[in-house]
Amino acid sequence: RLHNAAQIDQVLRKLCDELNATETLFPRTSLRLF
């Protein structure tokens, strides 16, 4: 959960969406990063 400034929410939300689409697993676990 990223702490952010309200004026850049839309920009950071785009980044979160792109990173979530990768469905990356945290190393040495079965936990998917979200």
All heavy atoms as atom14 arrays in JSON, in Angstrom:
{
  "sequence": "RLHNAAQIDQVLRKLCDELNATETLFPRTSLRLF",
  "atom14_mask": [
    [1, 1, 1, 1, 1, 1, 1, 1, 1, 1, 1, 0, 0, 0],
    [1, 1, 1, 1, 1, 1, 1, 1, 0, 0, 0, 0, 0, 0],
    [1, 1, 1, 1, 1, 1, 1, 1, 1, 1, 0, 0, 0, 0],
    [1, 1, 1, 1, 1, 1, 1, 1, 0, 0, 0, 0, 0, 0],
    [1, 1, 1, 1, 1, 0, 0, 0, 0, 0, 0, 0, 0, 0],
    [1, 1, 1, 1, 1, 0, 0, 0, 0, 0, 0, 0, 0, 0],
    [1, 1, 1, 1, 1, 1, 1, 1, 1, 0, 0, 0, 0, 0],
    [1, 1, 1, 1, 1, 1, 1, 1, 0, 0, 0, 0, 0, 0],
    [1, 1, 1, 1, 1, 1, 1, 1, 0, 0, 0, 0, 0, 0],
    [1, 1, 1, 1, 1, 1, 1, 1, 1, 0, 0, 0, 0, 0],
    [1, 1, 1, 1, 1, 1, 1, 0, 0, 0, 0, 0, 0, 0],
    [1, 1, 1, 1, 1, 1, 1, 1, 0, 0, 0, 0, 0, 0],
    [1, 1, 1, 1, 1, 1, 1, 1, 1, 1, 1, 0, 0, 0],
    [1, 1, 1, 1, 1, 1, 1, 1, 1, 0, 0, 0, 0, 0],
    [1, 1, 1, 1, 1, 1, 1, 1, 0, 0, 0, 0, 0, 0],
    [1, 1, 1, 1, 1, 1, 0, 0, 0, 0, 0, 0, 0, 0],
    [1, 1, 1, 1, 1, 1, 1, 1, 0, 0, 0, 0, 0, 0],
    [1, 1, 1, 1, 1, 1, 1, 1, 1, 0, 0, 0, 0, 0],
    [1, 1, 1, 1, 1, 1, 1, 1, 0, 0, 0, 0, 0, 0],
    [1, 1, 1, 1, 1, 1, 1, 1, 0, 0, 0, 0, 0, 0],
    [1, 1, 1, 1, 1, 0, 0, 0, 0, 0, 0, 0, 0, 0],
    [1, 1, 1, 1, 1, 1, 1, 0, 0, 0, 0, 0, 0, 0],
    [1, 1, 1, 1, 1, 1, 1, 1, 1, 0, 0, 0, 0, 0],
    [1, 1, 1, 1, 1, 1, 1, 0, 0, 0, 0, 0, 0, 0],
    [1, 1, 1, 1, 1, 1, 1, 1, 0, 0, 0, 0, 0, 0],
    [1, 1, 1, 1, 1, 1, 1, 1, 1, 1, 1, 0, 0, 0],
    [1, 1, 1, 1, 1, 1, 1, 0, 0, 0, 0, 0, 0, 0],
    [1, 1, 1, 1, 1, 1, 1, 1, 1, 1, 1, 0, 0, 0],
    [1, 1, 1, 1, 1, 1, 1, 0, 0, 0, 0, 0, 0, 0],
    [1, 1, 1, 1, 1, 1, 0, 0, 0, 0, 0, 0, 0, 0],
    [1, 1, 1, 1, 1, 1, 1, 1, 0, 0, 0, 0, 0, 0],
    [1, 1, 1, 1, 1, 1, 1, 1, 1, 1, 1, 0, 0, 0],
    [1, 1, 1, 1, 1, 1, 1, 1, 0, 0, 0, 0, 0, 0],
    [1, 1, 1, 1, 1, 1, 1, 1, 1, 1, 1, 0, 0, 0]
  ],
  "atom14_positions": [
    [[0.86, -1.18, 0.0], [0.0, 0.0, 0.0], [0.9, 1.23, 0.0], [1.6, 1.52, 0.97], [-0.92, 0.01, 1.21], [-1.9, 1.18, 1.17], [-2.99, 1.09, 2.2], [-2.42, 0.83, 3.52], [-3.1, 0.24, 4.5], [-4.34, -0.15, 4.33], [-2.54, 0.05, 5.68], [0.0, 0.0, 0.0], [0.0, 0.0, 0.0], [0.0, 0.0, 0.0]],
    [[0.88, 1.95, -1.13], [1.73, 3.12, -1.31], [1.1, 4.34, -0.67], [-0.1, 4.57, -0.8], [1.92, 3.39, -2.81], [2.47, 2.23, -3.64], [2.4, 2.57, -5.11], [3.87, 1.89, -3.21], [0.0, 0.0, 0.0], [0.0, 0.0, 0.0], [0.0, 0.0, 0.0], [0.0, 0.0, 0.0], [0.0, 0.0, 0.0], [0.0, 0.0, 0.0]],
    [[1.92, 5.11, 0.02], [1.47, 6.39, 0.55], [1.71, 7.42, -0.54], [2.77, 7.45, -1.16], [2.23, 6.74, 1.82], [2.01, 5.74, 2.91], [1.02, 5.87, 3.84], [2.62, 4.56, 3.17], [1.04, 4.83, 4.65], [2.01, 4.02, 4.27], [0.0, 0.0, 0.0], [0.0, 0.0, 0.0], [0.0, 0.0, 0.0], [0.0, 0.0, 0.0]],
    [[0.73, 8.24, -0.78], [0.82, 9.12, -1.93], [0.16, 10.46, -1.67], [-0.54, 10.63, -0.7], [0.17, 8.43, -3.14], [-1.25, 7.99, -2.82], [-1.46, 7.23, -1.88], [-2.22, 8.48, -3.54], [0.0, 0.0, 0.0], [0.0, 0.0, 0.0], [0.0, 0.0, 0.0], [0.0, 0.0, 0.0], [0.0, 0.0, 0.0], [0.0, 0.0, 0.0]],
    [[0.38, 11.36, -2.61], [-0.27, 12.67, -2.56], [-1.48, 12.63, -3.49], [-1.43, 12.07, -4.58], [0.71, 13.74, -3.02], [0.0, 0.0, 0.0], [0.0, 0.0, 0.0], [0.0, 0.0, 0.0], [0.0, 0.0, 0.0], [0.0, 0.0, 0.0], [0.0, 0.0, 0.0], [0.0, 0.0, 0.0], [0.0, 0.0, 0.0], [0.0, 0.0, 0.0]],
    [[-2.57, 13.22, -3.05], [-3.83, 13.15, -3.79], [-3.72, 13.67, -5.22], [-4.38, 13.15, -6.11], [-4.91, 13.93, -3.04], [0.0, 0.0, 0.0], [0.0, 0.0, 0.0], [0.0, 0.0, 0.0], [0.0, 0.0, 0.0], [0.0, 0.0, 0.0], [0.0, 0.0, 0.0], [0.0, 0.0, 0.0], [0.0, 0.0, 0.0], [0.0, 0.0, 0.0]],
    [[-2.86, 14.64, -5.46], [-2.78, 15.23, -6.79], [-2.18, 14.29, -7.84], [-2.3, 14.53, -9.03], [-2.03, 16.57, -6.77], [-0.57, 16.48, -6.4], [-0.34, 16.63, -4.91], [-1.2, 16.36, -4.09], [0.86, 17.05, -4.54], [0.0, 0.0, 0.0], [0.0, 0.0, 0.0], [0.0, 0.0, 0.0], [0.0, 0.0, 0.0], [0.0, 0.0, 0.0]],
    [[-1.55, 13.2, -7.39], [-0.96, 12.27, -8.36], [-1.58, 10.88, -8.29], [-1.05, 9.93, -8.84], [0.58, 12.17, -8.18], [0.94, 11.74, -6.76], [1.26, 13.46, -8.58], [2.39, 11.42, -6.56], [0.0, 0.0, 0.0], [0.0, 0.0, 0.0], [0.0, 0.0, 0.0], [0.0, 0.0, 0.0], [0.0, 0.0, 0.0], [0.0, 0.0, 0.0]],
    [[-2.73, 10.77, -7.64], [-3.4, 9.46, -7.52], [-3.6, 8.78, -8.86], [-3.32, 7.6, -9.0], [-4.76, 9.61, -6.84], [-4.67, 9.54, -5.32], [-3.55, 9.42, -4.8], [-5.72, 9.62, -4.68], [0.0, 0.0, 0.0], [0.0, 0.0, 0.0], [0.0, 0.0, 0.0], [0.0, 0.0, 0.0], [0.0, 0.0, 0.0], [0.0, 0.0, 0.0]],
    [[-4.1, 9.5, -9.85], [-4.4, 8.89, -11.15], [-3.13, 8.33, -11.79], [-3.15, 7.24, -12.35], [-5.04, 9.93, -12.08], [-5.4, 9.36, -13.44], [-6.06, 10.41, -14.32], [-6.5, 11.45, -13.86], [-6.13, 10.12, -15.6], [0.0, 0.0, 0.0], [0.0, 0.0, 0.0], [0.0, 0.0, 0.0], [0.0, 0.0, 0.0], [0.0, 0.0, 0.0]],
    [[-2.04, 9.05, -11.68], [-0.78, 8.61, -12.26], [-0.28, 7.34, -11.55], [0.08, 6.36, -12.19], [0.28, 9.74, -12.17], [1.63, 9.25, -12.64], [-0.17, 10.94, -12.98], [0.0, 0.0, 0.0], [0.0, 0.0, 0.0], [0.0, 0.0, 0.0], [0.0, 0.0, 0.0], [0.0, 0.0, 0.0], [0.0, 0.0, 0.0], [0.0, 0.0, 0.0]],
    [[-0.29, 7.36, -10.22], [0.18, 6.19, -9.48], [-0.76, 5.0, -9.62], [-0.32, 3.86, -9.61], [0.37, 6.54, -8.01], [1.52, 7.5, -7.7], [1.62, 7.77, -6.21], [2.84, 6.98, -8.24], [0.0, 0.0, 0.0], [0.0, 0.0, 0.0], [0.0, 0.0, 0.0], [0.0, 0.0, 0.0], [0.0, 0.0, 0.0], [0.0, 0.0, 0.0]],
    [[-2.04, 5.25, -9.77], [-2.99, 4.16, -9.98], [-2.66, 3.43, -11.28], [-2.74, 2.21, -11.37], [-4.43, 4.7, -10.01], [-5.47, 3.61, -9.83], [-6.85, 4.17, -9.56], [-6.93, 4.65, -8.17], [-7.07, 5.94, -7.84], [-7.16, 6.87, -8.75], [-7.14, 6.29, -6.57], [0.0, 0.0, 0.0], [0.0, 0.0, 0.0], [0.0, 0.0, 0.0]],
    [[-2.26, 4.17, -12.31], [-1.85, 3.57, -13.59], [-0.64, 2.66, -13.38], [-0.59, 1.54, -13.87], [-1.53, 4.68, -14.6], [-0.8, 4.26, -15.84], [-1.63, 3.46, -16.76], [-0.88, 3.22, -18.06], [-1.49, 2.24, -18.9], [0.0, 0.0, 0.0], [0.0, 0.0, 0.0], [0.0, 0.0, 0.0], [0.0, 0.0, 0.0], [0.0, 0.0, 0.0]],
    [[0.32, 3.14, -12.59], [1.51, 2.33, -12.3], [1.12, 1.07, -11.53], [1.58, -0.03, -11.86], [2.53, 3.15, -11.51], [3.82, 2.43, -11.14], [4.57, 1.97, -12.39], [4.7, 3.34, -10.3], [0.0, 0.0, 0.0], [0.0, 0.0, 0.0], [0.0, 0.0, 0.0], [0.0, 0.0, 0.0], [0.0, 0.0, 0.0], [0.0, 0.0, 0.0]],
    [[0.27, 1.21, -10.53], [-0.2, 0.04, -9.77], [-0.87, -0.97, -10.69], [-0.61, -2.18, -10.59], [-1.17, 0.47, -8.67], [-0.39, 1.33, -7.29], [0.0, 0.0, 0.0], [0.0, 0.0, 0.0], [0.0, 0.0, 0.0], [0.0, 0.0, 0.0], [0.0, 0.0, 0.0], [0.0, 0.0, 0.0], [0.0, 0.0, 0.0], [0.0, 0.0, 0.0]],
    [[-1.72, -0.5, -11.59], [-2.41, -1.39, -12.52], [-1.41, -2.16, -13.38], [-1.57, -3.37, -13.6], [-3.38, -0.62, -13.41], [-4.58, -0.08, -12.66], [-4.84, -0.54, -11.53], [-5.27, 0.81, -13.21], [0.0, 0.0, 0.0], [0.0, 0.0, 0.0], [0.0, 0.0, 0.0], [0.0, 0.0, 0.0], [0.0, 0.0, 0.0], [0.0, 0.0, 0.0]],
    [[-0.4, -1.46, -13.88], [0.62, -2.11, -14.72], [1.41, -3.14, -13.92], [1.66, -4.24, -14.41], [1.57, -1.06, -15.31], [0.93, -0.17, -16.34], [0.65, -0.86, -17.65], [1.34, -1.85, -18.0], [-0.29, -0.41, -18.35], [0.0, 0.0, 0.0], [0.0, 0.0, 0.0], [0.0, 0.0, 0.0], [0.0, 0.0, 0.0], [0.0, 0.0, 0.0]],
    [[1.8, -2.8, -12.71], [2.55, -3.74, -11.87], [1.69, -4.94, -11.47], [2.17, -6.08, -11.46], [3.09, -3.03, -10.62], [4.18, -1.99, -10.87], [4.49, -1.23, -9.59], [5.43, -2.62, -11.45], [0.0, 0.0, 0.0], [0.0, 0.0, 0.0], [0.0, 0.0, 0.0], [0.0, 0.0, 0.0], [0.0, 0.0, 0.0], [0.0, 0.0, 0.0]],
    [[0.42, -4.7, -11.15], [-0.47, -5.8, -10.78], [-0.69, -6.76, -11.95], [-0.85, -7.96, -11.75], [-1.81, -5.26, -10.27], [-1.67, -4.59, -8.92], [-0.75, -4.86, -8.16], [-2.58, -3.68, -8.63], [0.0, 0.0, 0.0], [0.0, 0.0, 0.0], [0.0, 0.0, 0.0], [0.0, 0.0, 0.0], [0.0, 0.0, 0.0], [0.0, 0.0, 0.0]],
    [[-0.69, -6.23, -13.16], [-0.91, -7.07, -14.35], [0.22, -8.09, -14.54], [0.02, -9.12, -15.17], [-1.05, -6.2, -15.59], [0.0, 0.0, 0.0], [0.0, 0.0, 0.0], [0.0, 0.0, 0.0], [0.0, 0.0, 0.0], [0.0, 0.0, 0.0], [0.0, 0.0, 0.0], [0.0, 0.0, 0.0], [0.0, 0.0, 0.0], [0.0, 0.0, 0.0]],
    [[1.39, -7.83, -13.96], [2.5, -8.78, -14.1], [2.32, -10.02, -13.25], [3.0, -11.03, -13.48], [3.85, -8.12, -13.72], [3.86, -7.83, -12.32], [4.11, -6.86, -14.54], [0.0, 0.0, 0.0], [0.0, 0.0, 0.0], [0.0, 0.0, 0.0], [0.0, 0.0, 0.0], [0.0, 0.0, 0.0], [0.0, 0.0, 0.0], [0.0, 0.0, 0.0]],
    [[1.44, -9.95, -12.24], [1.18, -11.07, -11.33], [2.48, -11.65, -10.76], [2.67, -12.86, -10.69], [0.35, -12.15, -12.03], [-1.02, -11.64, -12.44], [-1.94, -12.73, -12.97], [-1.54, -13.91, -13.02], [-3.07, -12.37, -13.33], [0.0, 0.0, 0.0], [0.0, 0.0, 0.0], [0.0, 0.0, 0.0], [0.0, 0.0, 0.0], [0.0, 0.0, 0.0]],
    [[3.34, -10.77, -10.32], [4.65, -11.14, -9.78], [4.52, -11.78, -8.41], [3.78, -11.29, -7.56], [5.55, -9.89, -9.68], [5.67, -9.32, -11.0], [6.92, -10.23, -9.14], [0.0, 0.0, 0.0], [0.0, 0.0, 0.0], [0.0, 0.0, 0.0], [0.0, 0.0, 0.0], [0.0, 0.0, 0.0], [0.0, 0.0, 0.0], [0.0, 0.0, 0.0]],
    [[5.25, -12.87, -8.21], [5.3, -13.51, -6.89], [6.47, -12.93, -6.11], [7.56, -12.72, -6.65], [5.47, -15.02, -7.02], [4.33, -15.79, -7.66], [4.66, -17.28, -7.7], [3.03, -15.56, -6.92], [0.0, 0.0, 0.0], [0.0, 0.0, 0.0], [0.0, 0.0, 0.0], [0.0, 0.0, 0.0], [0.0, 0.0, 0.0], [0.0, 0.0, 0.0]],
    [[6.23, -12.68, -4.81], [7.3, -12.24, -3.95], [8.32, -13.38, -3.86], [7.94, -14.53, -3.67], [6.75, -11.87, -2.56], [7.76, -11.19, -1.69], [8.1, -9.86, -1.9], [8.37, -11.89, -0.67], [9.04, -9.24, -1.09], [9.32, -11.27, 0.14], [9.66, -9.95, -0.08], [0.0, 0.0, 0.0], [0.0, 0.0, 0.0], [0.0, 0.0, 0.0]],
    [[9.61, -13.06, -4.0], [10.64, -14.12, -4.02], [10.54, -15.08, -2.84], [10.31, -14.69, -1.7], [11.95, -13.33, -3.97], [11.6, -12.01, -4.59], [10.18, -11.73, -4.15], [0.0, 0.0, 0.0], [0.0, 0.0, 0.0], [0.0, 0.0, 0.0], [0.0, 0.0, 0.0], [0.0, 0.0, 0.0], [0.0, 0.0, 0.0], [0.0, 0.0, 0.0]],
    [[10.69, -16.36, -3.17], [10.72, -17.47, -2.2], [9.41, -17.65, -1.44], [9.39, -18.2, -0.34], [11.88, -17.33, -1.24], [13.22, -17.38, -1.92], [14.32, -17.35, -0.92], [15.59, -17.43, -1.64], [16.75, -17.46, -1.05], [16.82, -17.44, 0.26], [17.84, -17.52, -1.74], [0.0, 0.0, 0.0], [0.0, 0.0, 0.0], [0.0, 0.0, 0.0]],
    [[8.3, -17.15, -2.03], [6.99, -17.35, -1.43], [6.0, -17.66, -2.55], [6.33, -17.61, -3.73], [6.46, -16.09, -0.69], [6.07, -15.11, -1.65], [7.5, -15.52, 0.26], [0.0, 0.0, 0.0], [0.0, 0.0, 0.0], [0.0, 0.0, 0.0], [0.0, 0.0, 0.0], [0.0, 0.0, 0.0], [0.0, 0.0, 0.0], [0.0, 0.0, 0.0]],
    [[4.77, -17.95, -2.16], [3.7, -18.11, -3.14], [2.77, -16.9, -3.09], [1.66, -16.94, -3.6], [2.91, -19.39, -2.87], [2.37, -19.34, -1.56], [0.0, 0.0, 0.0], [0.0, 0.0, 0.0], [0.0, 0.0, 0.0], [0.0, 0.0, 0.0], [0.0, 0.0, 0.0], [0.0, 0.0, 0.0], [0.0, 0.0, 0.0], [0.0, 0.0, 0.0]],
    [[3.25, -15.81, -2.49], [2.43, -14.6, -2.36], [2.58, -13.72, -3.6], [3.68, -13.34, -3.99], [2.83, -13.79, -1.12], [2.71, -14.5, 0.23], [3.22, -13.6, 1.34], [1.28, -14.92, 0.49], [0.0, 0.0, 0.0], [0.0, 0.0, 0.0], [0.0, 0.0, 0.0], [0.0, 0.0, 0.0], [0.0, 0.0, 0.0], [0.0, 0.0, 0.0]],
    [[1.42, -13.4, -4.2], [1.41, -12.52, -5.37], [1.43, -11.08, -4.89], [0.67, -10.68, -4.02], [0.17, -12.76, -6.23], [0.18, -11.98, -7.54], [-1.02, -12.33, -8.41], [-2.28, -12.09, -7.74], [-2.91, -10.9, -7.73], [-2.38, -9.86, -8.32], [-4.07, -10.78, -7.11], [0.0, 0.0, 0.0], [0.0, 0.0, 0.0], [0.0, 0.0, 0.0]],
    [[2.34, -10.29, -5.47], [2.41, -8.87, -5.12], [1.21, -8.13, -5.7], [0.84, -8.34, -6.85], [3.7, -8.25, -5.65], [4.96, -8.62, -4.88], [6.2, -8.2, -5.65], [4.95, -8.0, -3.5], [0.0, 0.0, 0.0], [0.0, 0.0, 0.0], [0.0, 0.0, 0.0], [0.0, 0.0, 0.0], [0.0, 0.0, 0.0], [0.0, 0.0, 0.0]],
    [[0.61, -7.29, -4.87], [-0.56, -6.51, -5.27], [-0.33, -5.09, -4.77], [-0.09, -4.89, -3.58], [-1.84, -7.1, -4.68], [-3.08, -6.46, -5.17], [-3.56, -6.7, -6.45], [-3.79, -5.58, -4.36], [-4.71, -6.09, -6.92], [-4.93, -4.97, -4.81], [-5.39, -5.22, -6.1], [0.0, 0.0, 0.0], [0.0, 0.0, 0.0], [0.0, 0.0, 0.0]]
  ]
}
